[in-house]
Amino acid sequence: MTRDQQNFEILEHLKESDEELTPHEAYMFWGVKYLNARINDLKKSGHKIKKIKREDRGYVFTSYQLQPHEGEK
């Protein structure tokens, strides 16, 4: 899957879901090894994406969630 295809799939997922996306999920769904790089691509394209630090069973990880544009939700 190309970088552009990965960006498209990630953005569609974030738009359709109110849930956060983790690096593990991105790898399982689309084989994305560097979710932070794809998120940076999307941010450079003008999308507002929130970075959220989480901890689970002693592991710290980052998840991402699309922020609505002004006037939405």
N, C-alpha and C. Protein backbone atom coordinates (compact mmCIF):
# COMPACT_ATOMS: atom_id res chain seq x y z
N MET A 1 0.85 -1.17 0.00
CA MET A 1 0.00 0.00 0.00
C MET A 1 0.90 1.24 0.00
N THR A 2 0.63 2.19 -0.86
CA THR A 2 1.44 3.39 -0.94
C THR A 2 1.15 4.34 0.22
N ARG A 3 2.01 5.30 0.39
CA ARG A 3 1.82 6.31 1.45
C ARG A 3 0.50 7.04 1.25
N ASP A 4 0.19 7.42 0.00
CA ASP A 4 -1.07 8.13 -0.26
C ASP A 4 -2.28 7.26 0.08
N GLN A 5 -2.20 5.98 -0.24
CA GLN A 5 -3.31 5.07 0.09
C GLN A 5 -3.46 4.93 1.60
N GLN A 6 -2.32 4.82 2.30
CA GLN A 6 -2.37 4.74 3.76
C GLN A 6 -2.99 6.00 4.35
N ASN A 7 -2.56 7.16 3.85
CA ASN A 7 -3.11 8.42 4.33
C ASN A 7 -4.62 8.47 4.12
N PHE A 8 -5.08 8.03 2.95
CA PHE A 8 -6.50 8.02 2.65
C PHE A 8 -7.25 7.11 3.61
N GLU A 9 -6.77 5.91 3.81
CA GLU A 9 -7.44 4.94 4.70
C GLU A 9 -7.49 5.45 6.13
N ILE A 10 -6.39 6.03 6.61
CA ILE A 10 -6.35 6.55 7.97
C ILE A 10 -7.33 7.70 8.13
N LEU A 11 -7.33 8.63 7.18
CA LEU A 11 -8.24 9.76 7.25
C LEU A 11 -9.70 9.31 7.22
N GLU A 12 -10.03 8.39 6.35
CA GLU A 12 -11.40 7.87 6.29
C GLU A 12 -11.80 7.22 7.61
N HIS A 13 -10.89 6.46 8.19
CA HIS A 13 -11.17 5.82 9.48
C HIS A 13 -11.42 6.87 10.56
N LEU A 14 -10.58 7.89 10.60
CA LEU A 14 -10.73 8.94 11.61
C LEU A 14 -12.03 9.72 11.41
N LYS A 15 -12.42 9.93 10.16
CA LYS A 15 -13.67 10.65 9.88
C LYS A 15 -14.89 9.84 10.29
N GLU A 16 -14.84 8.53 10.05
CA GLU A 16 -16.01 7.66 10.29
C GLU A 16 -16.14 7.24 11.75
N SER A 17 -15.08 7.37 12.51
CA SER A 17 -15.09 6.88 13.89
C SER A 17 -14.79 8.02 14.85
N ASP A 18 -15.50 8.07 15.95
CA ASP A 18 -15.19 9.05 16.99
C ASP A 18 -14.10 8.53 17.92
N GLU A 19 -13.69 7.28 17.71
CA GLU A 19 -12.70 6.66 18.57
C GLU A 19 -11.29 7.05 18.14
N GLU A 20 -10.35 6.84 19.04
CA GLU A 20 -8.95 7.12 18.76
C GLU A 20 -8.36 5.98 17.93
N LEU A 21 -7.30 6.31 17.19
CA LEU A 21 -6.58 5.31 16.41
C LEU A 21 -5.19 5.15 17.01
N THR A 22 -4.82 3.91 17.30
CA THR A 22 -3.51 3.63 17.88
C THR A 22 -2.56 3.11 16.81
N PRO A 23 -1.25 3.19 17.05
CA PRO A 23 -0.29 2.62 16.11
C PRO A 23 -0.52 1.12 15.88
N HIS A 24 -0.89 0.41 16.92
CA HIS A 24 -1.15 -1.03 16.78
C HIS A 24 -2.32 -1.28 15.81
N GLU A 25 -3.38 -0.52 15.95
CA GLU A 25 -4.53 -0.67 15.06
C GLU A 25 -4.15 -0.33 13.62
N ALA A 26 -3.39 0.74 13.43
CA ALA A 26 -2.97 1.13 12.08
C ALA A 26 -2.13 0.03 11.44
N TYR A 27 -1.30 -0.61 12.23
CA TYR A 27 -0.49 -1.72 11.69
C TYR A 27 -1.37 -2.92 11.35
N MET A 28 -2.31 -3.24 12.23
CA MET A 28 -3.18 -4.39 12.00
C MET A 28 -4.12 -4.16 10.82
N PHE A 29 -4.68 -2.95 10.68
CA PHE A 29 -5.64 -2.66 9.61
C PHE A 29 -4.98 -2.50 8.25
N TRP A 30 -3.86 -1.74 8.19
CA TRP A 30 -3.30 -1.34 6.89
C TRP A 30 -1.81 -1.61 6.75
N GLY A 31 -1.18 -2.20 7.75
CA GLY A 31 0.26 -2.46 7.67
C GLY A 31 1.11 -1.21 7.84
N VAL A 32 0.55 -0.18 8.47
CA VAL A 32 1.26 1.08 8.68
C VAL A 32 2.22 0.92 9.85
N LYS A 33 3.52 1.06 9.58
CA LYS A 33 4.52 0.91 10.64
C LYS A 33 4.79 2.21 11.36
N TYR A 34 4.62 3.34 10.69
CA TYR A 34 4.93 4.64 11.28
C TYR A 34 3.71 5.55 11.21
N LEU A 35 2.76 5.31 12.10
CA LEU A 35 1.52 6.09 12.11
C LEU A 35 1.82 7.57 12.31
N ASN A 36 2.79 7.90 13.13
CA ASN A 36 3.10 9.32 13.38
C ASN A 36 3.50 10.03 12.08
N ALA A 37 4.17 9.35 11.18
CA ALA A 37 4.55 9.95 9.89
C ALA A 37 3.31 10.20 9.03
N ARG A 38 2.37 9.25 9.02
CA ARG A 38 1.14 9.43 8.24
C ARG A 38 0.30 10.55 8.85
N ILE A 39 0.25 10.64 10.17
CA ILE A 39 -0.48 11.72 10.85
C ILE A 39 0.13 13.07 10.49
N ASN A 40 1.46 13.13 10.45
CA ASN A 40 2.12 14.38 10.06
C ASN A 40 1.76 14.76 8.63
N ASP A 41 1.69 13.79 7.72
CA ASP A 41 1.26 14.06 6.34
C ASP A 41 -0.13 14.69 6.34
N LEU A 42 -1.04 14.09 7.11
CA LEU A 42 -2.42 14.58 7.15
C LEU A 42 -2.50 15.98 7.77
N LYS A 43 -1.69 16.23 8.80
CA LYS A 43 -1.66 17.57 9.40
C LYS A 43 -1.15 18.60 8.40
N LYS A 44 -0.15 18.25 7.63
CA LYS A 44 0.39 19.16 6.62
C LYS A 44 -0.64 19.46 5.54
N SER A 45 -1.58 18.54 5.36
CA SER A 45 -2.66 18.74 4.39
C SER A 45 -3.80 19.58 4.96
N GLY A 46 -3.66 19.99 6.23
CA GLY A 46 -4.65 20.87 6.83
C GLY A 46 -5.63 20.22 7.78
N HIS A 47 -5.49 18.94 8.04
CA HIS A 47 -6.40 18.25 8.96
C HIS A 47 -5.93 18.47 10.39
N LYS A 48 -6.89 18.71 11.27
CA LYS A 48 -6.58 18.90 12.68
C LYS A 48 -6.76 17.56 13.39
N ILE A 49 -5.64 17.05 13.89
CA ILE A 49 -5.64 15.74 14.54
C ILE A 49 -5.01 15.89 15.91
N LYS A 50 -5.73 15.41 16.91
CA LYS A 50 -5.29 15.51 18.30
C LYS A 50 -4.44 14.30 18.66
N LYS A 51 -3.32 14.55 19.33
CA LYS A 51 -2.43 13.50 19.82
C LYS A 51 -2.75 13.27 21.30
N ILE A 52 -2.98 12.01 21.66
CA ILE A 52 -3.38 11.66 23.02
C ILE A 52 -2.42 10.62 23.58
N LYS A 53 -1.81 10.91 24.71
CA LYS A 53 -0.92 9.93 25.36
C LYS A 53 -1.75 9.05 26.27
N ARG A 54 -1.53 7.74 26.16
CA ARG A 54 -2.26 6.75 26.97
C ARG A 54 -1.27 5.82 27.66
N GLU A 55 -1.75 5.21 28.73
CA GLU A 55 -0.97 4.19 29.42
C GLU A 55 -1.88 3.00 29.69
N ASP A 56 -1.35 1.81 29.39
CA ASP A 56 -2.12 0.59 29.61
C ASP A 56 -1.17 -0.50 30.09
N ARG A 57 -1.40 -1.00 31.26
CA ARG A 57 -0.58 -2.06 31.85
C ARG A 57 0.91 -1.73 31.84
N GLY A 58 1.23 -0.47 32.14
CA GLY A 58 2.62 -0.06 32.21
C GLY A 58 3.23 0.39 30.89
N TYR A 59 2.51 0.24 29.78
CA TYR A 59 3.01 0.67 28.48
C TYR A 59 2.41 2.04 28.14
N VAL A 60 3.27 2.95 27.69
CA VAL A 60 2.82 4.27 27.28
C VAL A 60 2.79 4.30 25.76
N PHE A 61 1.70 4.79 25.18
CA PHE A 61 1.58 4.88 23.73
C PHE A 61 0.77 6.11 23.37
N THR A 62 0.80 6.45 22.11
CA THR A 62 0.08 7.62 21.61
C THR A 62 -1.05 7.15 20.72
N SER A 63 -2.18 7.82 20.83
CA SER A 63 -3.29 7.57 19.91
C SER A 63 -3.68 8.90 19.29
N TYR A 64 -4.47 8.83 18.23
CA TYR A 64 -4.82 10.03 17.48
C TYR A 64 -6.32 10.07 17.23
N GLN A 65 -6.85 11.30 17.21
CA GLN A 65 -8.27 11.50 16.96
C GLN A 65 -8.46 12.76 16.13
N LEU A 66 -9.34 12.67 15.15
CA LEU A 66 -9.63 13.82 14.28
C LEU A 66 -10.44 14.84 15.06
N GLN A 67 -10.04 16.09 14.99
CA GLN A 67 -10.79 17.17 15.62
C GLN A 67 -11.74 17.75 14.59
N PRO A 68 -12.99 17.98 14.97
CA PRO A 68 -13.94 18.55 14.02
C PRO A 68 -13.54 19.96 13.61
N HIS A 69 -13.88 20.33 12.38
CA HIS A 69 -13.64 21.70 11.91
C HIS A 69 -14.59 22.61 12.67
N GLU A 70 -14.25 23.88 12.73
CA GLU A 70 -15.10 24.83 13.42
C GLU A 70 -16.48 24.82 12.81
N GLY A 71 -17.50 24.84 13.64
CA GLY A 71 -18.86 24.80 13.18
C GLY A 71 -19.45 23.41 13.11
N GLU A 72 -18.60 22.37 13.25
CA GLU A 72 -19.07 20.99 13.27
C GLU A 72 -19.15 20.51 14.71
N LYS A 73 -19.96 19.52 14.94
CA LYS A 73 -20.11 18.86 16.24
C LYS A 73 -19.90 19.83 17.35
